[in-house]
Amino acid sequence: MTARFLLAFLFVGLLACEKAEQKPQKPNIVLILADDLGYGEVGFNGQKLIKTPNMDALAVSGKIFTNHYTAAPVCAPARGMILTGLHSGHAYIRGNDEWRERGEVWDYAKAAADPNLEGQRPLPAETLTIAKVLQQNGYKTGIIGKWGLGAPLSEGIPNNLGFDYFFGYNCQRQAHNLYPPHLWENETKVPLNNEIVVPGTKLDEGADPMDLASYSRYQQKDYAPQVMHEKALAFLEENSDQPFFLYYASPLPHLPLQAPQNLVEEYVEVFGEEEPYDGSKGYFPTRYPRATYAAMITLLDQQIGELRQKVEEMGQLENTIFILTSDNGPTYTGGVDFDFFESSQPFSNGYGRTKGFVYEGGIRVPMVVNWPGKVQEGSRSEHISAFYDLFPTLCDLIGVDAPAGLDGMSFLPSILGEEQKPNDYLYWEFPEYGGQQAVRMGNWKVVRQKLKEGIVRTELYDLSNDPLEEKDLAETYPEIVAQLEEIMAKEHRESSIDRFKLEVLGDQLSANSGN
């Protein structure tokens, strides 16, 4: 009896193990969001000067999306729309809003000491996010990096919006120093071994700008991108036995120009001597601005390689999808030499055409999806997509219905190399930098600028022949302009927040309704 019982026990145990092994495991998701990384600043999109071997490896063994767009040309709204699946005509957060009614929010030292002054206008806690949907479907969710969607003592902290774990910058303004006095772990303020150096602090009077020692105050002990990266690696390791969603919202290569000296020196050897940046265009002075900027991107690249290596060590590589993109186009200030790096190639470069603007250089962003065994190696997709498509795409990925009311559409078929329904169009409105609107439909794109000045003039471009958006065809194709203007009117819904309102659009809609 004992022998028979033992055999039966072993048999049942083997069946249970076999059944457990056969149970399909939901795919892990690693969403990497770079900060101000330009379309042309990565090797897989043609960058020649900055080394990005790990990003390029993701592209070689994955799929490049050549027509992927952010939902907004600056930080906070882009981050909000990636989480909520809404475009900027419907989203709650439509621009950077420092919530100024609280007081001296732009005083870096005061905000560092007082969390009541830190952070941006909060998303309401009841907002539905992709993180909440993943949580509800058995995922351990974590965000490491920059938040920007709700101050520390507000309802809009990450833990209220679907994230089990948060470590990083709550506030975008505090991220204007990569050696900050503190970061946040969930709702706890974590001090770092750095003194407060206020962004905008210039070199000491009489200091030699050619002497590297003159810049020592801008290089301290705890470099936030590295501190946060260690937390990301720990999050992966701690959650290796369950499905996880890691939203890796790196502050790199957003200004200021601060990077580990060893990486800077590597680029000094390549670029040679250069003129220092004196801090006159914001942030901090830097002895080697070109070398430092390149080093920041290469550091991000190395960290991406380490994330992938960690997942591979966990035995989870084939069950993990990596998505790499950037929150908006490259910056135009603070010592960055965007012409030297051709940061927006093949699109227009510089102020008015990159970060902060709805031309291609400001909103077309690098995008790679990598999933071993699922995504065809070395493939490319010309499918036109935007940040707000990621919410329904991830729902599709885990086999749940996307919530009603999203503006996005799943592009999982394109990721997997299957037949993909195209988006009818993409829509943007942006209440900052003068007030702007844009629509892309196929190869046609319309742009409006200076809406807050009461100017409603529509420019029309054919991106297939004019990626630089230099030849306005509005007078040549008035019927196309009229069609896309109808989309602009249809997709705009007035914001409940005064800062985000574009009154001229409301006036235009009223005029249209009377015709």
Protein backbone atom coordinates (compact mmCIF):
# COMPACT_ATOMS: atom_id res chain seq x y z
CA MET A 1 0.00 0.00 0.00
CA THR A 2 2.80 2.36 0.87
CA ALA A 3 4.57 1.78 -2.46
CA ARG A 4 1.35 2.23 -4.42
CA PHE A 5 0.52 5.41 -2.49
CA LEU A 6 4.01 6.79 -3.16
CA LEU A 7 3.75 6.01 -6.89
CA ALA A 8 0.32 7.65 -7.05
CA PHE A 9 1.62 10.69 -5.19
CA LEU A 10 4.58 11.03 -7.56
CA PHE A 11 2.32 10.60 -10.59
CA VAL A 12 -0.07 13.31 -9.41
CA GLY A 13 2.89 15.56 -8.60
CA LEU A 14 4.36 15.05 -12.08
CA LEU A 15 1.01 15.87 -13.67
CA ALA A 16 0.77 19.03 -11.59
CA CYS A 17 4.28 20.10 -12.59
CA GLU A 18 3.57 19.38 -16.26
CA LYS A 19 0.33 21.34 -16.06
CA ALA A 20 2.13 24.25 -14.41
CA GLU A 21 4.82 24.24 -17.08
CA GLN A 22 2.19 24.26 -19.82
CA LYS A 23 0.34 27.23 -18.33
CA PRO A 24 0.98 30.19 -20.63
CA GLN A 25 2.82 33.02 -18.96
CA LYS A 26 1.85 36.58 -19.76
CA PRO A 27 4.64 38.51 -21.48
CA ASN A 28 6.74 40.87 -19.39
CA ILE A 29 6.84 44.46 -20.64
CA VAL A 30 9.79 46.86 -20.46
CA LEU A 31 8.85 50.31 -21.77
CA ILE A 32 11.92 52.54 -22.08
CA LEU A 33 11.17 56.24 -22.50
CA ALA A 34 14.21 58.40 -23.18
CA ASP A 35 13.98 62.12 -22.45
CA ASP A 36 14.52 64.53 -25.39
CA LEU A 37 16.26 61.86 -27.50
CA GLY A 38 16.09 63.03 -31.10
CA TYR A 39 15.05 60.89 -34.06
CA GLY A 40 18.53 61.20 -35.51
CA GLU A 41 20.50 60.70 -32.29
CA VAL A 42 20.56 56.89 -32.42
CA GLY A 43 22.67 54.70 -34.64
CA PHE A 44 19.74 52.76 -36.08
CA ASN A 45 18.38 56.05 -37.49
CA GLY A 46 21.70 57.17 -38.94
CA GLN A 47 23.64 58.81 -36.09
CA LYS A 48 27.38 58.71 -36.86
CA LEU A 49 29.02 60.44 -33.89
CA ILE A 50 27.24 59.07 -30.80
CA LYS A 51 27.71 55.41 -29.92
CA THR A 52 24.46 53.54 -29.25
CA PRO A 53 25.42 49.85 -29.70
CA ASN A 54 22.76 48.44 -27.36
CA MET A 55 19.90 50.39 -28.89
CA ASP A 56 21.19 49.39 -32.30
CA ALA A 57 21.28 45.75 -31.18
CA LEU A 58 17.63 45.99 -30.16
CA ALA A 59 16.91 47.23 -33.66
CA VAL A 60 19.00 44.57 -35.38
CA SER A 61 17.17 41.79 -33.52
CA GLY A 62 13.81 43.60 -33.50
CA LYS A 63 11.70 46.03 -35.50
CA ILE A 64 12.20 49.74 -36.21
CA PHE A 65 9.07 51.87 -36.49
CA THR A 66 9.92 54.73 -38.83
CA ASN A 67 6.63 56.65 -38.44
CA HIS A 68 6.13 56.70 -34.69
CA TYR A 69 5.14 59.91 -32.92
CA THR A 70 4.97 61.29 -29.43
CA ALA A 71 1.57 62.63 -28.43
CA ALA A 72 3.01 66.02 -27.40
CA PRO A 73 6.30 67.86 -27.99
CA VAL A 74 7.20 68.30 -24.28
CA CYS A 75 7.52 66.10 -21.21
CA ALA A 76 4.42 66.00 -18.99
CA PRO A 77 1.65 65.75 -21.60
CA ALA A 78 3.56 63.14 -23.59
CA ARG A 79 3.95 61.04 -20.44
CA GLY A 80 0.30 61.48 -19.51
CA MET A 81 -0.94 60.45 -22.93
CA ILE A 82 1.27 57.37 -23.11
CA LEU A 83 -0.40 56.19 -19.88
CA THR A 84 -3.99 57.21 -20.64
CA GLY A 85 -4.35 56.42 -24.35
CA LEU A 86 -5.85 59.86 -25.07
CA HIS A 87 -4.62 62.41 -27.59
CA SER A 88 -4.07 66.05 -26.75
CA GLY A 89 -7.52 67.15 -27.82
CA HIS A 90 -9.06 65.00 -25.08
CA ALA A 91 -6.35 64.53 -22.45
CA TYR A 92 -6.44 66.10 -19.00
CA ILE A 93 -2.76 67.16 -19.06
CA ARG A 94 -2.01 68.93 -22.36
CA GLY A 95 1.13 70.88 -21.51
CA ASN A 96 3.75 71.38 -18.83
CA ASP A 97 1.89 72.89 -15.87
CA GLU A 98 3.99 73.76 -12.84
CA TRP A 99 0.88 74.45 -10.72
CA ARG A 100 2.12 77.96 -9.97
CA GLU A 101 -0.80 78.92 -7.73
CA ARG A 102 0.98 77.04 -4.91
CA GLY A 103 3.73 79.63 -4.65
CA GLU A 104 7.40 79.86 -5.65
CA VAL A 105 7.49 76.58 -7.54
CA TRP A 106 10.41 77.67 -9.74
CA ASP A 107 12.63 78.32 -6.73
CA TYR A 108 14.70 75.15 -6.93
CA ALA A 109 16.05 75.29 -3.36
CA LYS A 110 12.66 76.05 -1.80
CA ALA A 111 10.96 73.27 -3.74
CA ALA A 112 13.74 70.86 -2.79
CA ALA A 113 13.02 71.60 0.87
CA ASP A 114 9.21 71.79 0.63
CA PRO A 115 7.27 69.04 -1.18
CA ASN A 116 4.28 71.39 -1.29
CA LEU A 117 6.18 73.32 -3.98
CA GLU A 118 7.52 70.31 -5.86
CA GLY A 119 5.95 68.50 -8.81
CA GLN A 120 3.46 69.27 -11.56
CA ARG A 121 -0.33 69.51 -11.79
CA PRO A 122 -1.69 66.05 -10.86
CA LEU A 123 -3.63 63.59 -12.90
CA PRO A 124 -6.79 62.78 -10.92
CA ALA A 125 -6.36 59.55 -8.94
CA GLU A 126 -9.38 57.99 -10.66
CA THR A 127 -7.75 58.36 -14.10
CA LEU A 128 -7.63 55.04 -15.92
CA THR A 129 -4.08 54.17 -16.96
CA ILE A 130 -2.48 51.24 -18.72
CA ALA A 131 -0.61 50.56 -15.47
CA LYS A 132 -3.94 50.05 -13.65
CA VAL A 133 -5.13 47.64 -16.34
CA LEU A 134 -1.89 45.66 -16.09
CA GLN A 135 -2.15 45.64 -12.28
CA GLN A 136 -5.68 44.24 -12.53
CA ASN A 137 -4.39 41.48 -14.80
CA GLY A 138 -1.69 40.16 -12.48
CA TYR A 139 1.26 42.38 -13.34
CA LYS A 140 3.73 43.85 -10.88
CA THR A 141 4.09 47.43 -12.08
CA GLY A 142 6.99 49.78 -11.53
CA ILE A 143 8.12 53.18 -12.77
CA ILE A 144 11.75 54.18 -12.41
CA GLY A 145 12.82 57.65 -13.52
CA LYS A 146 10.89 60.86 -14.09
CA TRP A 147 7.18 61.20 -13.27
CA GLY A 148 5.92 64.77 -13.81
CA LEU A 149 2.20 63.97 -13.46
CA GLY A 150 1.44 64.87 -9.86
CA ALA A 151 3.23 66.48 -6.93
CA PRO A 152 4.44 64.37 -3.97
CA LEU A 153 1.59 65.30 -1.63
CA SER A 154 -1.10 65.28 -4.31
CA GLU A 155 -3.49 62.60 -5.55
CA GLY A 156 -1.42 62.25 -8.71
CA ILE A 157 1.48 60.20 -7.34
CA PRO A 158 2.43 57.05 -9.26
CA ASN A 159 1.14 54.72 -6.53
CA ASN A 160 -2.38 56.11 -7.05
CA LEU A 161 -2.23 55.65 -10.80
CA GLY A 162 -1.41 51.99 -11.19
CA PHE A 163 2.19 51.60 -10.07
CA ASP A 164 3.14 49.24 -7.25
CA TYR A 165 6.59 50.79 -7.05
CA PHE A 166 8.10 54.17 -7.89
CA PHE A 167 11.62 55.45 -7.55
CA GLY A 168 12.95 58.64 -9.08
CA TYR A 169 12.16 62.27 -9.71
CA ASN A 170 8.60 63.22 -8.88
CA CYS A 171 9.21 66.71 -10.29
CA GLN A 172 10.47 67.74 -13.70
CA ARG A 173 12.01 70.93 -12.33
CA GLN A 174 14.05 68.99 -9.77
CA ALA A 175 15.27 66.88 -12.71
CA HIS A 176 17.04 69.99 -14.03
CA ASN A 177 19.95 68.78 -11.91
CA LEU A 178 21.25 65.23 -12.35
CA TYR A 179 22.91 65.48 -8.93
CA PRO A 180 19.77 66.42 -6.97
CA PRO A 181 19.47 66.61 -3.17
CA HIS A 182 16.79 63.89 -3.11
CA LEU A 183 14.65 61.44 -5.06
CA TRP A 184 11.39 59.71 -4.11
CA GLU A 185 10.70 56.07 -3.32
CA ASN A 186 6.93 55.66 -3.43
CA GLU A 187 5.79 58.32 -0.94
CA THR A 188 9.11 58.59 0.91
CA LYS A 189 11.63 61.34 0.24
CA VAL A 190 15.08 59.76 -0.13
CA PRO A 191 18.04 62.11 0.53
CA LEU A 192 21.09 61.83 -1.72
CA ASN A 193 24.68 62.70 -0.91
CA ASN A 194 24.60 65.93 -2.91
CA GLU A 195 24.56 69.58 -1.97
CA ILE A 196 21.96 71.85 -3.55
CA VAL A 197 23.33 73.58 -6.62
CA VAL A 198 20.58 75.63 -8.19
CA PRO A 199 20.17 75.31 -11.98
CA GLY A 200 21.48 78.47 -13.57
CA THR A 201 24.46 78.69 -11.20
CA LYS A 202 27.38 80.10 -13.21
CA LEU A 203 31.12 79.61 -12.78
CA ASP A 204 32.74 81.47 -9.90
CA GLU A 205 33.94 84.94 -10.79
CA GLY A 206 37.50 84.73 -12.08
CA ALA A 207 37.36 80.97 -12.66
CA ASP A 208 39.20 79.73 -15.72
CA PRO A 209 36.56 78.34 -18.14
CA MET A 210 39.21 76.20 -19.84
CA ASP A 211 40.15 74.47 -16.59
CA LEU A 212 38.10 71.33 -15.85
CA ALA A 213 38.52 71.97 -12.11
CA SER A 214 36.35 75.09 -12.43
CA TYR A 215 33.36 72.82 -13.03
CA SER A 216 33.78 70.56 -10.00
CA ARG A 217 30.65 71.82 -8.21
CA TYR A 218 28.50 70.37 -11.01
CA GLN A 219 29.84 66.84 -10.46
CA GLN A 220 28.88 65.49 -7.04
CA LYS A 221 28.50 62.09 -5.35
CA ASP A 222 25.12 60.56 -6.25
CA TYR A 223 24.36 60.71 -9.98
CA ALA A 224 20.58 60.27 -10.18
CA PRO A 225 20.47 58.30 -13.46
CA GLN A 226 22.76 55.67 -11.96
CA VAL A 227 20.99 55.57 -8.58
CA MET A 228 17.68 55.04 -10.36
CA HIS A 229 19.16 52.44 -12.69
CA GLU A 230 20.23 50.27 -9.76
CA LYS A 231 16.65 50.38 -8.49
CA ALA A 232 15.39 49.29 -11.91
CA LEU A 233 17.69 46.28 -11.96
CA ALA A 234 16.53 45.37 -8.46
CA PHE A 235 12.87 45.69 -9.49
CA LEU A 236 13.42 43.22 -12.32
CA GLU A 237 15.21 40.73 -10.10
CA GLU A 238 12.62 40.96 -7.33
CA ASN A 239 9.76 40.26 -9.74
CA SER A 240 11.29 37.51 -11.87
CA ASP A 241 8.64 34.99 -10.79
CA GLN A 242 5.59 36.97 -11.99
CA PRO A 243 4.62 39.10 -14.99
CA PHE A 244 6.10 42.57 -14.67
CA PHE A 245 5.70 45.95 -16.31
CA LEU A 246 8.73 48.21 -15.97
CA TYR A 247 8.26 51.76 -17.19
CA TYR A 248 11.83 53.01 -17.38
CA ALA A 249 11.43 56.79 -17.71
CA SER A 250 15.07 57.85 -17.86
CA PRO A 251 15.94 61.56 -17.52
CA LEU A 252 18.65 61.10 -20.17
CA PRO A 253 19.67 62.94 -22.29
CA HIS A 254 17.54 65.86 -21.00
CA LEU A 255 19.64 68.80 -19.83
CA PRO A 256 21.66 69.75 -17.86
CA LEU A 257 24.87 68.57 -19.46
CA GLN A 258 26.16 66.25 -16.72
CA ALA A 259 27.69 62.82 -17.28
CA PRO A 260 30.26 60.48 -15.71
CA GLN A 261 33.71 61.86 -16.42
CA ASN A 262 35.10 58.62 -17.85
CA LEU A 263 32.51 58.60 -20.63
CA VAL A 264 33.04 62.31 -21.28
CA GLU A 265 36.78 61.73 -21.66
CA GLU A 266 36.17 59.00 -24.22
CA TYR A 267 34.35 61.49 -26.42
CA VAL A 268 36.91 64.25 -25.81
CA GLU A 269 39.43 61.90 -27.40
CA VAL A 270 37.12 61.52 -30.41
CA PHE A 271 35.89 65.12 -30.81
CA GLY A 272 39.06 66.87 -29.64
CA GLU A 273 39.17 70.23 -27.90
CA GLU A 274 36.01 72.33 -27.93
CA GLU A 275 34.78 75.61 -26.55
CA PRO A 276 33.16 75.34 -23.11
CA TYR A 277 29.50 76.16 -22.54
CA ASP A 278 29.18 79.11 -20.14
CA GLY A 279 25.64 78.48 -18.96
CA SER A 280 24.19 81.53 -20.71
CA LYS A 281 21.34 79.49 -22.23
CA GLY A 282 20.28 77.86 -18.97
CA TYR A 283 21.14 74.90 -16.75
CA PHE A 284 24.87 74.53 -15.87
CA PRO A 285 28.19 75.45 -17.50
CA THR A 286 30.11 72.54 -18.99
CA ARG A 287 33.74 72.26 -20.06
CA TYR A 288 33.03 69.84 -22.91
CA PRO A 289 29.42 70.30 -24.07
CA ARG A 290 29.53 68.08 -27.16
CA ALA A 291 31.41 65.29 -25.41
CA THR A 292 29.11 65.48 -22.38
CA TYR A 293 25.92 65.30 -24.44
CA ALA A 294 27.19 62.30 -26.38
CA ALA A 295 28.26 60.66 -23.10
CA MET A 296 24.74 61.06 -21.68
CA ILE A 297 23.23 59.20 -24.62
CA THR A 298 25.89 56.51 -24.49
CA LEU A 299 25.25 56.05 -20.77
CA LEU A 300 21.54 55.59 -21.47
CA ASP A 301 22.51 53.06 -24.12
CA GLN A 302 24.69 51.14 -21.66
CA GLN A 303 21.87 51.07 -19.11
CA ILE A 304 19.47 49.69 -21.70
CA GLY A 305 22.00 46.95 -22.40
CA GLU A 306 22.18 46.14 -18.69
CA LEU A 307 18.38 45.93 -18.41
CA ARG A 308 18.28 43.43 -21.25
CA GLN A 309 21.17 41.47 -19.79
CA LYS A 310 19.38 41.29 -16.43
CA VAL A 311 16.22 39.96 -18.08
CA GLU A 312 18.31 37.37 -19.91
CA GLU A 313 20.01 36.29 -16.66
CA MET A 314 16.53 35.83 -15.17
CA GLY A 315 15.66 33.43 -17.99
CA GLN A 316 12.88 35.77 -19.14
CA LEU A 317 14.29 37.18 -22.38
CA GLU A 318 12.01 35.26 -24.74
CA ASN A 319 8.99 36.22 -22.67
CA THR A 320 9.79 39.94 -22.49
CA ILE A 321 8.87 42.64 -24.98
CA PHE A 322 11.12 45.72 -25.00
CA ILE A 323 9.72 48.98 -26.35
CA LEU A 324 12.15 51.88 -26.78
CA THR A 325 11.11 55.42 -27.68
CA SER A 326 11.52 59.08 -26.63
CA ASP A 327 9.08 61.55 -25.07
CA ASN A 328 9.66 64.21 -27.74
CA GLY A 329 12.24 65.59 -30.12
CA PRO A 330 15.67 66.95 -29.13
CA THR A 331 16.26 70.17 -27.27
CA TYR A 332 17.58 73.41 -28.78
CA THR A 333 19.21 75.10 -25.79
CA GLY A 334 21.42 74.66 -22.72
CA GLY A 335 24.67 74.08 -24.59
CA VAL A 336 23.50 71.27 -26.89
CA ASP A 337 24.98 71.49 -30.40
CA PHE A 338 22.07 69.99 -32.35
CA ASP A 339 23.60 70.93 -35.70
CA PHE A 340 26.84 69.13 -34.90
CA PHE A 341 24.95 65.91 -34.11
CA GLU A 342 22.20 66.46 -36.73
CA SER A 343 19.85 65.58 -33.90
CA SER A 344 16.62 65.65 -35.92
CA GLN A 345 17.85 64.19 -39.17
CA PRO A 346 16.23 63.73 -41.68
CA PHE A 347 13.87 66.45 -40.40
CA SER A 348 14.35 70.15 -39.72
CA ASN A 349 16.58 71.08 -36.79
CA GLY A 350 16.73 73.80 -34.15
CA TYR A 351 14.34 76.09 -32.28
CA GLY A 352 10.89 76.22 -33.84
CA ARG A 353 11.30 72.78 -35.39
CA THR A 354 12.25 70.45 -32.54
CA LYS A 355 11.18 70.13 -28.91
CA GLY A 356 8.14 72.27 -28.18
CA PHE A 357 6.82 72.26 -31.74
CA VAL A 358 4.54 70.02 -33.78
CA TYR A 359 6.78 69.86 -36.84
CA GLU A 360 8.40 66.47 -37.47
CA GLY A 361 11.58 67.23 -35.55
CA GLY A 362 9.54 67.89 -32.42
CA ILE A 363 7.14 64.95 -32.54
CA ARG A 364 8.58 62.13 -34.72
CA VAL A 365 10.60 60.00 -32.32
CA PRO A 366 12.83 56.91 -32.48
CA MET A 367 10.96 53.65 -31.87
CA VAL A 368 12.10 50.03 -31.63
CA VAL A 369 10.19 46.95 -30.49
CA ASN A 370 12.16 43.83 -29.58
CA TRP A 371 10.66 40.47 -28.61
CA PRO A 372 12.80 37.38 -29.32
CA GLY A 373 10.96 34.77 -31.34
CA LYS A 374 7.92 37.02 -31.84
CA VAL A 375 9.24 40.07 -33.68
CA GLN A 376 11.05 39.49 -36.94
CA GLU A 377 14.74 40.33 -36.63
CA GLY A 378 15.99 43.30 -38.59
CA SER A 379 12.52 44.31 -39.74
CA ARG A 380 11.00 47.75 -40.27
CA SER A 381 7.47 49.08 -40.18
CA GLU A 382 6.16 52.24 -41.81
CA HIS A 383 2.91 52.01 -39.85
CA ILE A 384 1.96 55.48 -38.62
CA SER A 385 1.41 55.38 -34.84
CA ALA A 386 1.51 57.57 -31.74
CA PHE A 387 1.94 57.28 -27.98
CA TYR A 388 -1.78 56.97 -27.36
CA ASP A 389 -1.75 53.76 -29.44
CA LEU A 390 0.38 52.03 -26.81
CA PHE A 391 -2.48 51.59 -24.30
CA PRO A 392 -4.67 49.51 -26.66
CA THR A 393 -1.57 47.75 -28.01
CA LEU A 394 -0.58 46.50 -24.56
CA CYS A 395 -4.17 45.46 -23.85
CA ASP A 396 -4.07 43.47 -27.09
CA LEU A 397 -0.72 42.01 -26.07
CA ILE A 398 -2.08 40.55 -22.81
CA GLY A 399 -5.39 39.47 -24.31
CA VAL A 400 -7.84 41.90 -22.72
CA ASP A 401 -10.27 44.31 -24.34
CA ALA A 402 -9.12 47.91 -24.41
CA PRO A 403 -11.38 50.21 -22.39
CA ALA A 404 -13.94 52.24 -24.30
CA GLY A 405 -13.14 55.85 -25.05
CA LEU A 406 -9.44 55.57 -25.92
CA ASP A 407 -8.14 57.54 -28.89
CA GLY A 408 -5.51 54.98 -29.82
CA MET A 409 -5.57 51.82 -31.90
CA SER A 410 -3.56 48.64 -31.32
CA PHE A 411 -0.59 48.18 -33.59
CA LEU A 412 0.26 44.72 -32.21
CA PRO A 413 -0.38 43.21 -35.67
CA SER A 414 2.36 45.42 -37.09
CA ILE A 415 4.69 44.43 -34.25
CA LEU A 416 4.09 40.75 -35.03
CA GLY A 417 4.35 41.20 -38.80
CA GLU A 418 0.64 40.61 -39.44
CA GLU A 419 -1.83 42.61 -41.50
CA GLN A 420 -2.33 45.97 -39.83
CA LYS A 421 -5.26 48.37 -40.17
CA PRO A 422 -3.83 51.87 -40.61
CA ASN A 423 -4.76 54.77 -38.40
CA ASP A 424 -7.17 57.10 -40.18
CA TYR A 425 -5.14 60.04 -38.90
CA LEU A 426 -3.16 61.33 -35.92
CA TYR A 427 -4.04 64.53 -34.06
CA TRP A 428 -2.11 67.00 -31.92
CA GLU A 429 -2.91 70.23 -30.17
CA PHE A 430 -0.47 71.99 -27.89
CA PRO A 431 -1.31 75.09 -25.84
CA GLU A 432 2.30 76.15 -25.30
CA TYR A 433 4.89 77.83 -27.53
CA GLY A 434 2.17 80.07 -28.97
CA GLY A 435 -0.56 77.44 -29.32
CA GLN A 436 -0.41 74.81 -32.06
CA GLN A 437 -2.36 72.11 -33.89
CA ALA A 438 -1.42 69.37 -36.34
CA VAL A 439 -2.93 66.41 -38.16
CA ARG A 440 -1.23 63.69 -40.14
CA MET A 441 -3.33 61.67 -42.58
CA GLY A 442 -1.29 59.35 -44.79
CA ASN A 443 1.52 61.46 -46.20
CA TRP A 444 -0.40 64.72 -45.75
CA LYS A 445 0.22 66.86 -42.70
CA VAL A 446 -1.28 70.16 -41.64
CA VAL A 447 0.22 72.48 -39.02
CA ARG A 448 -1.07 75.58 -37.27
CA GLN A 449 1.11 77.95 -35.23
CA LYS A 450 0.49 81.06 -33.08
CA LEU A 451 -3.08 80.17 -32.19
CA LYS A 452 -2.81 82.15 -28.95
CA GLU A 453 -2.16 85.22 -31.05
CA GLY A 454 -5.52 84.66 -32.74
CA ILE A 455 -3.92 83.42 -35.96
CA VAL A 456 -5.71 80.48 -37.59
CA ARG A 457 -3.63 79.74 -40.67
CA THR A 458 -3.22 76.18 -41.87
CA GLU A 459 0.00 74.98 -43.52
CA LEU A 460 -0.03 71.81 -45.64
CA TYR A 461 2.93 69.52 -46.33
CA ASP A 462 3.45 66.33 -48.32
CA LEU A 463 5.82 64.35 -46.10
CA SER A 464 6.60 61.83 -48.84
CA ASN A 465 8.32 64.55 -50.87
CA ASP A 466 9.05 67.16 -48.23
CA PRO A 467 10.09 65.66 -44.86
CA LEU A 468 11.68 69.00 -43.94
CA GLU A 469 8.24 70.67 -44.17
CA GLU A 470 9.58 73.54 -46.25
CA LYS A 471 7.04 73.74 -49.09
CA ASP A 472 3.58 74.84 -47.94
CA LEU A 473 1.00 73.41 -50.37
CA ALA A 474 -2.11 74.86 -48.71
CA GLU A 475 -3.00 77.08 -51.67
CA THR A 476 -2.40 74.25 -54.14
CA TYR A 477 -4.64 71.70 -52.41
CA PRO A 478 -7.42 73.61 -50.62
CA GLU A 479 -9.67 70.53 -50.60
CA ILE A 480 -7.07 68.56 -48.57
CA VAL A 481 -6.71 71.49 -46.19
CA ALA A 482 -10.48 71.64 -45.70
CA GLN A 483 -10.65 67.89 -44.98
CA LEU A 484 -7.92 68.05 -42.34
CA GLU A 485 -9.36 71.22 -40.81
CA GLU A 486 -12.58 69.31 -40.22
CA ILE A 487 -10.55 66.74 -38.28
CA MET A 488 -8.97 69.53 -36.21
CA ALA A 489 -12.40 70.88 -35.34
CA LYS A 490 -13.81 67.44 -34.53
CA GLU A 491 -10.95 66.28 -32.30
CA HIS A 492 -10.63 69.42 -30.19
CA ARG A 493 -12.49 69.39 -26.89
CA GLU A 494 -12.03 72.42 -24.66
CA SER A 495 -9.83 71.73 -21.66
CA SER A 496 -11.16 72.14 -18.15
CA ILE A 497 -7.84 73.77 -17.19
CA ASP A 498 -7.41 77.45 -18.14
CA ARG A 499 -3.73 77.06 -18.94
CA PHE A 500 -4.53 74.49 -21.63
CA LYS A 501 -7.38 76.34 -23.31
CA LEU A 502 -7.09 77.51 -26.91
CA GLU A 503 -9.94 80.03 -27.08
CA VAL A 504 -9.45 80.71 -30.77
CA LEU A 505 -10.41 77.11 -31.53
CA GLY A 506 -13.65 77.54 -29.65
CA ASP A 507 -14.36 80.68 -31.68
CA GLN A 508 -13.62 78.80 -34.85
CA LEU A 509 -15.94 75.94 -33.90
CA SER A 510 -18.73 78.42 -33.16
CA ALA A 511 -18.21 80.03 -36.55
CA ASN A 512 -18.24 76.66 -38.26
CA SER A 513 -21.46 75.61 -36.50
CA GLY A 514 -23.19 78.69 -37.89
CA ASN A 515 -22.31 77.91 -41.50
